[in-house]
All heavy atoms as atom14 arrays in JSON, in Angstrom:
{
  "sequence": "SAGFVGDEITRRIQESGINADEIKIDEGCSRINLKLKTIDG",
  "atom14_mask": [
    [1, 1, 1, 1, 1, 1, 0, 0, 0, 0, 0, 0, 0, 0],
    [1, 1, 1, 1, 1, 0, 0, 0, 0, 0, 0, 0, 0, 0],
    [1, 1, 1, 1, 0, 0, 0, 0, 0, 0, 0, 0, 0, 0],
    [1, 1, 1, 1, 1, 1, 1, 1, 1, 1, 1, 0, 0, 0],
    [1, 1, 1, 1, 1, 1, 1, 0, 0, 0, 0, 0, 0, 0],
    [1, 1, 1, 1, 0, 0, 0, 0, 0, 0, 0, 0, 0, 0],
    [1, 1, 1, 1, 1, 1, 1, 1, 0, 0, 0, 0, 0, 0],
    [1, 1, 1, 1, 1, 1, 1, 1, 1, 0, 0, 0, 0, 0],
    [1, 1, 1, 1, 1, 1, 1, 1, 0, 0, 0, 0, 0, 0],
    [1, 1, 1, 1, 1, 1, 1, 0, 0, 0, 0, 0, 0, 0],
    [1, 1, 1, 1, 1, 1, 1, 1, 1, 1, 1, 0, 0, 0],
    [1, 1, 1, 1, 1, 1, 1, 1, 1, 1, 1, 0, 0, 0],
    [1, 1, 1, 1, 1, 1, 1, 1, 0, 0, 0, 0, 0, 0],
    [1, 1, 1, 1, 1, 1, 1, 1, 1, 0, 0, 0, 0, 0],
    [1, 1, 1, 1, 1, 1, 1, 1, 1, 0, 0, 0, 0, 0],
    [1, 1, 1, 1, 1, 1, 0, 0, 0, 0, 0, 0, 0, 0],
    [1, 1, 1, 1, 0, 0, 0, 0, 0, 0, 0, 0, 0, 0],
    [1, 1, 1, 1, 1, 1, 1, 1, 0, 0, 0, 0, 0, 0],
    [1, 1, 1, 1, 1, 1, 1, 1, 0, 0, 0, 0, 0, 0],
    [1, 1, 1, 1, 1, 0, 0, 0, 0, 0, 0, 0, 0, 0],
    [1, 1, 1, 1, 1, 1, 1, 1, 0, 0, 0, 0, 0, 0],
    [1, 1, 1, 1, 1, 1, 1, 1, 1, 0, 0, 0, 0, 0],
    [1, 1, 1, 1, 1, 1, 1, 1, 0, 0, 0, 0, 0, 0],
    [1, 1, 1, 1, 1, 1, 1, 1, 1, 0, 0, 0, 0, 0],
    [1, 1, 1, 1, 1, 1, 1, 1, 0, 0, 0, 0, 0, 0],
    [1, 1, 1, 1, 1, 1, 1, 1, 0, 0, 0, 0, 0, 0],
    [1, 1, 1, 1, 1, 1, 1, 1, 1, 0, 0, 0, 0, 0],
    [1, 1, 1, 1, 0, 0, 0, 0, 0, 0, 0, 0, 0, 0],
    [1, 1, 1, 1, 1, 1, 0, 0, 0, 0, 0, 0, 0, 0],
    [1, 1, 1, 1, 1, 1, 0, 0, 0, 0, 0, 0, 0, 0],
    [1, 1, 1, 1, 1, 1, 1, 1, 1, 1, 1, 0, 0, 0],
    [1, 1, 1, 1, 1, 1, 1, 1, 0, 0, 0, 0, 0, 0],
    [1, 1, 1, 1, 1, 1, 1, 1, 0, 0, 0, 0, 0, 0],
    [1, 1, 1, 1, 1, 1, 1, 1, 0, 0, 0, 0, 0, 0],
    [1, 1, 1, 1, 1, 1, 1, 1, 1, 0, 0, 0, 0, 0],
    [1, 1, 1, 1, 1, 1, 1, 1, 0, 0, 0, 0, 0, 0],
    [1, 1, 1, 1, 1, 1, 1, 1, 1, 0, 0, 0, 0, 0],
    [1, 1, 1, 1, 1, 1, 1, 0, 0, 0, 0, 0, 0, 0],
    [1, 1, 1, 1, 1, 1, 1, 1, 0, 0, 0, 0, 0, 0],
    [1, 1, 1, 1, 1, 1, 1, 1, 0, 0, 0, 0, 0, 0],
    [1, 1, 1, 1, 0, 0, 0, 0, 0, 0, 0, 0, 0, 0]
  ],
  "atom14_positions": [
    [[0.84, -1.19, 0.0], [0.0, 0.0, 0.0], [0.87, 1.24, 0.0], [1.88, 1.3, 0.71], [-0.91, -0.02, 1.24], [-1.45, 1.24, 1.5], [0.0, 0.0, 0.0], [0.0, 0.0, 0.0], [0.0, 0.0, 0.0], [0.0, 0.0, 0.0], [0.0, 0.0, 0.0], [0.0, 0.0, 0.0], [0.0, 0.0, 0.0], [0.0, 0.0, 0.0]],
    [[0.48, 2.23, -0.81], [1.27, 3.48, -0.86], [0.35, 4.67, -1.07], [-0.63, 4.61, -1.83], [2.3, 3.42, -1.99], [0.0, 0.0, 0.0], [0.0, 0.0, 0.0], [0.0, 0.0, 0.0], [0.0, 0.0, 0.0], [0.0, 0.0, 0.0], [0.0, 0.0, 0.0], [0.0, 0.0, 0.0], [0.0, 0.0, 0.0], [0.0, 0.0, 0.0]],
    [[0.66, 5.78, -0.38], [-0.03, 7.04, -0.62], [-1.49, 7.06, -0.19], [-1.99, 6.15, 0.48], [0.0, 0.0, 0.0], [0.0, 0.0, 0.0], [0.0, 0.0, 0.0], [0.0, 0.0, 0.0], [0.0, 0.0, 0.0], [0.0, 0.0, 0.0], [0.0, 0.0, 0.0], [0.0, 0.0, 0.0], [0.0, 0.0, 0.0], [0.0, 0.0, 0.0]],
    [[-2.18, 8.11, -0.58], [-3.58, 8.29, -0.17], [-4.49, 7.23, -0.78], [-5.5, 6.85, -0.2], [-4.06, 9.71, -0.53], [-4.34, 9.92, -1.99], [-5.64, 9.84, -2.48], [-3.31, 10.18, -2.88], [-5.91, 10.03, -3.83], [-3.57, 10.38, -4.22], [-4.87, 10.3, -4.71], [0.0, 0.0, 0.0], [0.0, 0.0, 0.0], [0.0, 0.0, 0.0]],
    [[-4.12, 6.74, -1.98], [-4.93, 5.68, -2.59], [-4.81, 4.41, -1.77], [-5.8, 3.71, -1.53], [-4.49, 5.44, -4.05], [-5.28, 4.28, -4.65], [-4.69, 6.69, -4.88], [0.0, 0.0, 0.0], [0.0, 0.0, 0.0], [0.0, 0.0, 0.0], [0.0, 0.0, 0.0], [0.0, 0.0, 0.0], [0.0, 0.0, 0.0], [0.0, 0.0, 0.0]],
    [[-3.6, 4.11, -1.3], [-3.42, 2.95, -0.44], [-4.24, 3.05, 0.83], [-4.82, 2.06, 1.3], [0.0, 0.0, 0.0], [0.0, 0.0, 0.0], [0.0, 0.0, 0.0], [0.0, 0.0, 0.0], [0.0, 0.0, 0.0], [0.0, 0.0, 0.0], [0.0, 0.0, 0.0], [0.0, 0.0, 0.0], [0.0, 0.0, 0.0], [0.0, 0.0, 0.0]],
    [[-4.32, 4.24, 1.4], [-5.14, 4.44, 2.61], [-6.61, 4.15, 2.32], [-7.31, 3.55, 3.15], [-4.98, 5.88, 3.11], [-3.59, 6.18, 3.62], [-2.85, 5.23, 3.94], [-3.23, 7.37, 3.68], [0.0, 0.0, 0.0], [0.0, 0.0, 0.0], [0.0, 0.0, 0.0], [0.0, 0.0, 0.0], [0.0, 0.0, 0.0], [0.0, 0.0, 0.0]],
    [[-7.08, 4.57, 1.16], [-8.48, 4.34, 0.8], [-8.74, 2.86, 0.52], [-9.8, 2.33, 0.87], [-8.86, 5.19, -0.41], [-10.32, 5.07, -0.85], [-11.31, 5.53, 0.21], [-10.9, 6.2, 1.2], [-12.52, 5.25, 0.05], [0.0, 0.0, 0.0], [0.0, 0.0, 0.0], [0.0, 0.0, 0.0], [0.0, 0.0, 0.0], [0.0, 0.0, 0.0]],
    [[-7.78, 2.19, -0.11], [-7.92, 0.75, -0.33], [-8.07, 0.03, 1.01], [-8.95, -0.82, 1.19], [-6.7, 0.2, -1.1], [-6.72, 0.71, -2.55], [-6.68, -1.33, -1.08], [-5.46, 0.39, -3.33], [0.0, 0.0, 0.0], [0.0, 0.0, 0.0], [0.0, 0.0, 0.0], [0.0, 0.0, 0.0], [0.0, 0.0, 0.0], [0.0, 0.0, 0.0]],
    [[-7.24, 0.41, 1.99], [-7.3, -0.21, 3.31], [-8.65, 0.05, 3.97], [-9.25, -0.86, 4.55], [-6.16, 0.32, 4.2], [-4.91, -0.09, 3.64], [-6.29, -0.19, 5.62], [0.0, 0.0, 0.0], [0.0, 0.0, 0.0], [0.0, 0.0, 0.0], [0.0, 0.0, 0.0], [0.0, 0.0, 0.0], [0.0, 0.0, 0.0], [0.0, 0.0, 0.0]],
    [[-9.13, 1.27, 3.87], [-10.42, 1.6, 4.5], [-11.54, 0.74, 3.92], [-12.38, 0.2, 4.66], [-10.74, 3.08, 4.29], [-11.98, 3.56, 5.05], [-12.28, 5.01, 4.76], [-12.8, 5.21, 3.41], [-14.08, 5.0, 3.06], [-14.96, 4.58, 3.97], [-14.48, 5.22, 1.83], [0.0, 0.0, 0.0], [0.0, 0.0, 0.0], [0.0, 0.0, 0.0]],
    [[-11.53, 0.58, 2.62], [-12.59, -0.18, 1.96], [-12.45, -1.68, 2.22], [-13.46, -2.39, 2.3], [-12.62, 0.13, 0.47], [-13.1, 1.56, 0.18], [-12.99, 1.93, -1.29], [-13.45, 3.3, -1.51], [-14.69, 3.64, -1.85], [-15.61, 2.7, -1.99], [-15.02, 4.9, -2.03], [0.0, 0.0, 0.0], [0.0, 0.0, 0.0], [0.0, 0.0, 0.0]],
    [[-11.23, -2.18, 2.32], [-11.04, -3.59, 2.67], [-11.59, -3.86, 4.06], [-12.29, -4.85, 4.3], [-9.54, -3.96, 2.57], [-9.12, -4.06, 1.1], [-9.26, -5.28, 3.29], [-7.64, -4.3, 0.9], [0.0, 0.0, 0.0], [0.0, 0.0, 0.0], [0.0, 0.0, 0.0], [0.0, 0.0, 0.0], [0.0, 0.0, 0.0], [0.0, 0.0, 0.0]],
    [[-11.28, -2.97, 4.99], [-11.77, -3.15, 6.36], [-13.29, -3.07, 6.4], [-13.92, -3.81, 7.18], [-11.14, -2.1, 7.27], [-9.65, -2.3, 7.49], [-9.0, -1.15, 8.23], [-9.46, -0.01, 8.17], [-7.91, -1.43, 8.93], [0.0, 0.0, 0.0], [0.0, 0.0, 0.0], [0.0, 0.0, 0.0], [0.0, 0.0, 0.0], [0.0, 0.0, 0.0]],
    [[-13.89, -2.22, 5.59], [-15.35, -2.12, 5.52], [-15.99, -3.44, 5.09], [-17.13, -3.73, 5.42], [-15.77, -1.02, 4.55], [-15.74, 0.37, 5.12], [-16.29, 1.41, 4.16], [-16.5, 1.06, 2.98], [-16.51, 2.56, 4.58], [0.0, 0.0, 0.0], [0.0, 0.0, 0.0], [0.0, 0.0, 0.0], [0.0, 0.0, 0.0], [0.0, 0.0, 0.0]],
    [[-15.23, -4.23, 4.31], [-15.74, -5.51, 3.82], [-15.63, -6.61, 4.87], [-15.98, -7.76, 4.58], [-14.97, -5.93, 2.56], [-15.14, -4.98, 1.52], [0.0, 0.0, 0.0], [0.0, 0.0, 0.0], [0.0, 0.0, 0.0], [0.0, 0.0, 0.0], [0.0, 0.0, 0.0], [0.0, 0.0, 0.0], [0.0, 0.0, 0.0], [0.0, 0.0, 0.0]],
    [[-15.14, -6.3, 6.06], [-15.05, -7.28, 7.12], [-13.8, -8.14, 7.06], [-13.75, -9.22, 7.66], [0.0, 0.0, 0.0], [0.0, 0.0, 0.0], [0.0, 0.0, 0.0], [0.0, 0.0, 0.0], [0.0, 0.0, 0.0], [0.0, 0.0, 0.0], [0.0, 0.0, 0.0], [0.0, 0.0, 0.0], [0.0, 0.0, 0.0], [0.0, 0.0, 0.0]],
    [[-12.8, -7.68, 6.34], [-11.56, -8.44, 6.14], [-10.49, -7.87, 7.05], [-10.41, -6.66, 7.27], [-11.11, -8.33, 4.66], [-12.19, -8.89, 3.74], [-9.78, -9.03, 4.43], [-12.04, -8.43, 2.31], [0.0, 0.0, 0.0], [0.0, 0.0, 0.0], [0.0, 0.0, 0.0], [0.0, 0.0, 0.0], [0.0, 0.0, 0.0], [0.0, 0.0, 0.0]],
    [[-9.63, -8.74, 7.58], [-8.46, -8.29, 8.33], [-7.45, -7.71, 7.34], [-6.92, -8.43, 6.49], [-7.83, -9.45, 9.09], [-8.78, -10.11, 10.06], [-9.51, -9.43, 10.78], [-8.8, -11.43, 10.08], [0.0, 0.0, 0.0], [0.0, 0.0, 0.0], [0.0, 0.0, 0.0], [0.0, 0.0, 0.0], [0.0, 0.0, 0.0], [0.0, 0.0, 0.0]],
    [[-7.2, -6.42, 7.42], [-6.28, -5.75, 6.49], [-4.89, -5.72, 7.09], [-4.67, -5.15, 8.16], [-6.77, -4.33, 6.2], [0.0, 0.0, 0.0], [0.0, 0.0, 0.0], [0.0, 0.0, 0.0], [0.0, 0.0, 0.0], [0.0, 0.0, 0.0], [0.0, 0.0, 0.0], [0.0, 0.0, 0.0], [0.0, 0.0, 0.0], [0.0, 0.0, 0.0]],
    [[-3.94, -6.36, 6.4], [-2.57, -6.41, 6.87], [-1.68, -5.8, 5.79], [-1.07, -6.51, 4.99], [-2.17, -7.86, 7.15], [-0.86, -7.97, 7.93], [-0.26, -6.92, 8.22], [-0.45, -9.1, 8.24], [0.0, 0.0, 0.0], [0.0, 0.0, 0.0], [0.0, 0.0, 0.0], [0.0, 0.0, 0.0], [0.0, 0.0, 0.0], [0.0, 0.0, 0.0]],
    [[-1.62, -4.48, 5.77], [-0.93, -3.79, 4.7], [0.56, -3.65, 4.98], [0.99, -3.59, 6.13], [-1.53, -2.4, 4.46], [-1.38, -1.47, 5.64], [-1.96, -0.09, 5.37], [-2.13, 0.27, 4.2], [-2.22, 0.64, 6.35], [0.0, 0.0, 0.0], [0.0, 0.0, 0.0], [0.0, 0.0, 0.0], [0.0, 0.0, 0.0], [0.0, 0.0, 0.0]],
    [[1.33, -3.61, 3.91], [2.76, -3.3, 3.98], [2.92, -1.92, 3.35], [2.74, -1.75, 2.14], [3.58, -4.35, 3.22], [3.38, -5.74, 3.85], [5.07, -3.98, 3.23], [3.95, -6.87, 3.03], [0.0, 0.0, 0.0], [0.0, 0.0, 0.0], [0.0, 0.0, 0.0], [0.0, 0.0, 0.0], [0.0, 0.0, 0.0], [0.0, 0.0, 0.0]],
    [[3.21, -0.94, 4.18], [3.25, 0.45, 3.72], [4.55, 0.72, 2.97], [5.63, 0.38, 3.43], [3.12, 1.41, 4.89], [1.75, 1.42, 5.53], [0.71, 2.08, 4.65], [0.86, 3.58, 4.61], [-0.22, 4.23, 3.82], [0.0, 0.0, 0.0], [0.0, 0.0, 0.0], [0.0, 0.0, 0.0], [0.0, 0.0, 0.0], [0.0, 0.0, 0.0]],
    [[4.41, 1.33, 1.81], [5.56, 1.74, 1.01], [5.65, 3.26, 1.09], [4.66, 3.98, 0.89], [5.38, 1.28, -0.45], [5.34, -0.25, -0.49], [6.51, 1.8, -1.34], [5.03, -0.82, -1.85], [0.0, 0.0, 0.0], [0.0, 0.0, 0.0], [0.0, 0.0, 0.0], [0.0, 0.0, 0.0], [0.0, 0.0, 0.0], [0.0, 0.0, 0.0]],
    [[6.84, 3.77, 1.4], [7.02, 5.19, 1.69], [6.88, 6.08, 0.46], [6.46, 7.24, 0.57], [8.4, 5.43, 2.33], [8.51, 4.77, 3.69], [7.45, 4.59, 4.34], [9.63, 4.43, 4.1], [0.0, 0.0, 0.0], [0.0, 0.0, 0.0], [0.0, 0.0, 0.0], [0.0, 0.0, 0.0], [0.0, 0.0, 0.0], [0.0, 0.0, 0.0]],
    [[7.26, 5.57, -0.71], [7.25, 6.4, -1.91], [6.19, 5.9, -2.9], [5.84, 4.73, -2.92], [8.63, 6.37, -2.57], [9.74, 6.92, -1.69], [11.09, 6.81, -2.36], [11.16, 6.31, -3.5], [12.09, 7.24, -1.74], [0.0, 0.0, 0.0], [0.0, 0.0, 0.0], [0.0, 0.0, 0.0], [0.0, 0.0, 0.0], [0.0, 0.0, 0.0]],
    [[5.73, 6.83, -3.74], [4.78, 6.45, -4.78], [3.36, 6.39, -4.28], [3.03, 6.85, -3.17], [0.0, 0.0, 0.0], [0.0, 0.0, 0.0], [0.0, 0.0, 0.0], [0.0, 0.0, 0.0], [0.0, 0.0, 0.0], [0.0, 0.0, 0.0], [0.0, 0.0, 0.0], [0.0, 0.0, 0.0], [0.0, 0.0, 0.0], [0.0, 0.0, 0.0]],
    [[2.5, 5.79, -5.08], [1.08, 5.73, -4.77], [0.49, 4.46, -5.36], [0.84, 4.06, -6.48], [0.37, 6.96, -5.35], [-1.3, 7.2, -4.73], [0.0, 0.0, 0.0], [0.0, 0.0, 0.0], [0.0, 0.0, 0.0], [0.0, 0.0, 0.0], [0.0, 0.0, 0.0], [0.0, 0.0, 0.0], [0.0, 0.0, 0.0], [0.0, 0.0, 0.0]],
    [[-0.37, 3.83, -4.6], [-1.09, 2.68, -5.13], [-1.89, 3.1, -6.35], [-2.26, 4.27, -6.51], [-2.01, 2.07, -4.07], [-1.25, 1.52, -3.01], [0.0, 0.0, 0.0], [0.0, 0.0, 0.0], [0.0, 0.0, 0.0], [0.0, 0.0, 0.0], [0.0, 0.0, 0.0], [0.0, 0.0, 0.0], [0.0, 0.0, 0.0], [0.0, 0.0, 0.0]],
    [[-2.18, 2.16, -7.21], [-2.75, 2.5, -8.51], [-4.26, 2.7, -8.48], [-4.97, 2.11, -7.66], [-2.39, 1.42, -9.54], [-2.89, 0.05, -9.19], [-2.4, -0.98, -10.19], [-2.9, -2.3, -9.83], [-3.15, -3.25, -10.7], [-2.95, -3.05, -11.98], [-3.6, -4.43, -10.31], [0.0, 0.0, 0.0], [0.0, 0.0, 0.0], [0.0, 0.0, 0.0]],
    [[-4.73, 3.54, -9.38], [-6.16, 3.68, -9.67], [-6.38, 3.13, -11.07], [-5.69, 3.5, -12.02], [-6.61, 5.15, -9.61], [-6.42, 5.71, -8.19], [-8.06, 5.29, -10.04], [-6.75, 7.18, -8.06], [0.0, 0.0, 0.0], [0.0, 0.0, 0.0], [0.0, 0.0, 0.0], [0.0, 0.0, 0.0], [0.0, 0.0, 0.0], [0.0, 0.0, 0.0]],
    [[-7.34, 2.22, -11.19], [-7.69, 1.66, -12.49], [-9.03, 2.22, -12.94], [-10.02, 2.13, -12.22], [-7.78, 0.13, -12.41], [-6.44, -0.52, -12.12], [-5.4, 0.08, -12.34], [-6.47, -1.74, -11.64], [0.0, 0.0, 0.0], [0.0, 0.0, 0.0], [0.0, 0.0, 0.0], [0.0, 0.0, 0.0], [0.0, 0.0, 0.0], [0.0, 0.0, 0.0]],
    [[-9.04, 2.8, -14.12], [-10.26, 3.35, -14.69], [-10.9, 2.32, -15.61], [-10.25, 1.83, -16.55], [-9.96, 4.63, -15.48], [-11.12, 5.25, -16.25], [-12.21, 5.71, -15.27], [-10.65, 6.42, -17.11], [0.0, 0.0, 0.0], [0.0, 0.0, 0.0], [0.0, 0.0, 0.0], [0.0, 0.0, 0.0], [0.0, 0.0, 0.0], [0.0, 0.0, 0.0]],
    [[-12.14, 1.99, -15.35], [-12.85, 0.98, -16.14], [-14.1, 1.63, -16.73], [-14.97, 2.1, -16.01], [-13.22, -0.22, -15.26], [-11.99, -0.88, -14.63], [-12.37, -2.04, -13.73], [-11.14, -2.63, -13.04], [-10.23, -3.31, -13.97], [0.0, 0.0, 0.0], [0.0, 0.0, 0.0], [0.0, 0.0, 0.0], [0.0, 0.0, 0.0], [0.0, 0.0, 0.0]],
    [[-14.17, 1.66, -18.08], [-15.29, 2.26, -18.79], [-16.27, 1.17, -19.19], [-16.05, 0.45, -20.16], [-14.79, 3.02, -20.02], [-13.77, 4.13, -19.74], [-13.2, 4.67, -21.05], [-14.41, 5.25, -18.94], [0.0, 0.0, 0.0], [0.0, 0.0, 0.0], [0.0, 0.0, 0.0], [0.0, 0.0, 0.0], [0.0, 0.0, 0.0], [0.0, 0.0, 0.0]],
    [[-17.35, 1.04, -18.44], [-18.27, -0.07, -18.65], [-18.96, -0.03, -20.0], [-19.26, -1.07, -20.58], [-19.35, -0.07, -17.55], [-18.84, -0.47, -16.18], [-19.94, -0.4, -15.15], [-21.08, -1.37, -15.46], [-22.12, -1.34, -14.42], [0.0, 0.0, 0.0], [0.0, 0.0, 0.0], [0.0, 0.0, 0.0], [0.0, 0.0, 0.0], [0.0, 0.0, 0.0]],
    [[-19.21, 1.16, -20.51], [-20.05, 1.29, -21.7], [-19.25, 1.26, -23.0], [-19.82, 1.41, -24.07], [-20.85, 2.61, -21.63], [-19.98, 3.66, -21.22], [-21.99, 2.49, -20.64], [0.0, 0.0, 0.0], [0.0, 0.0, 0.0], [0.0, 0.0, 0.0], [0.0, 0.0, 0.0], [0.0, 0.0, 0.0], [0.0, 0.0, 0.0], [0.0, 0.0, 0.0]],
    [[-17.94, 1.07, -22.92], [-17.13, 1.08, -24.15], [-16.39, -0.24, -24.26], [-15.17, -0.32, -24.15], [-16.16, 2.28, -24.17], [-16.89, 3.56, -23.78], [-15.51, 2.43, -25.54], [-16.0, 4.76, -23.66], [0.0, 0.0, 0.0], [0.0, 0.0, 0.0], [0.0, 0.0, 0.0], [0.0, 0.0, 0.0], [0.0, 0.0, 0.0], [0.0, 0.0, 0.0]],
    [[-17.14, -1.29, -24.45], [-16.59, -2.63, -24.66], [-15.57, -3.02, -23.6], [-14.53, -3.6, -23.89], [-15.95, -2.74, -26.05], [-16.97, -2.55, -27.16], [-18.12, -2.97, -26.96], [-16.61, -2.0, -28.2], [0.0, 0.0, 0.0], [0.0, 0.0, 0.0], [0.0, 0.0, 0.0], [0.0, 0.0, 0.0], [0.0, 0.0, 0.0], [0.0, 0.0, 0.0]],
    [[-15.83, -2.68, -22.34], [-14.93, -3.07, -21.25], [-13.57, -2.42, -21.29], [-12.59, -2.99, -20.79], [0.0, 0.0, 0.0], [0.0, 0.0, 0.0], [0.0, 0.0, 0.0], [0.0, 0.0, 0.0], [0.0, 0.0, 0.0], [0.0, 0.0, 0.0], [0.0, 0.0, 0.0], [0.0, 0.0, 0.0], [0.0, 0.0, 0.0], [0.0, 0.0, 0.0]]
  ]
}
């Protein structure tokens, strides 16, 4: 996990009732994937 995106990933994992055991990375940022449902995936 890295950056503010990593923090949000952790928050949402915990919301799902899962034990979140993250390994924090000091530099960079976890990725955001954009998925366009209406344009052939």
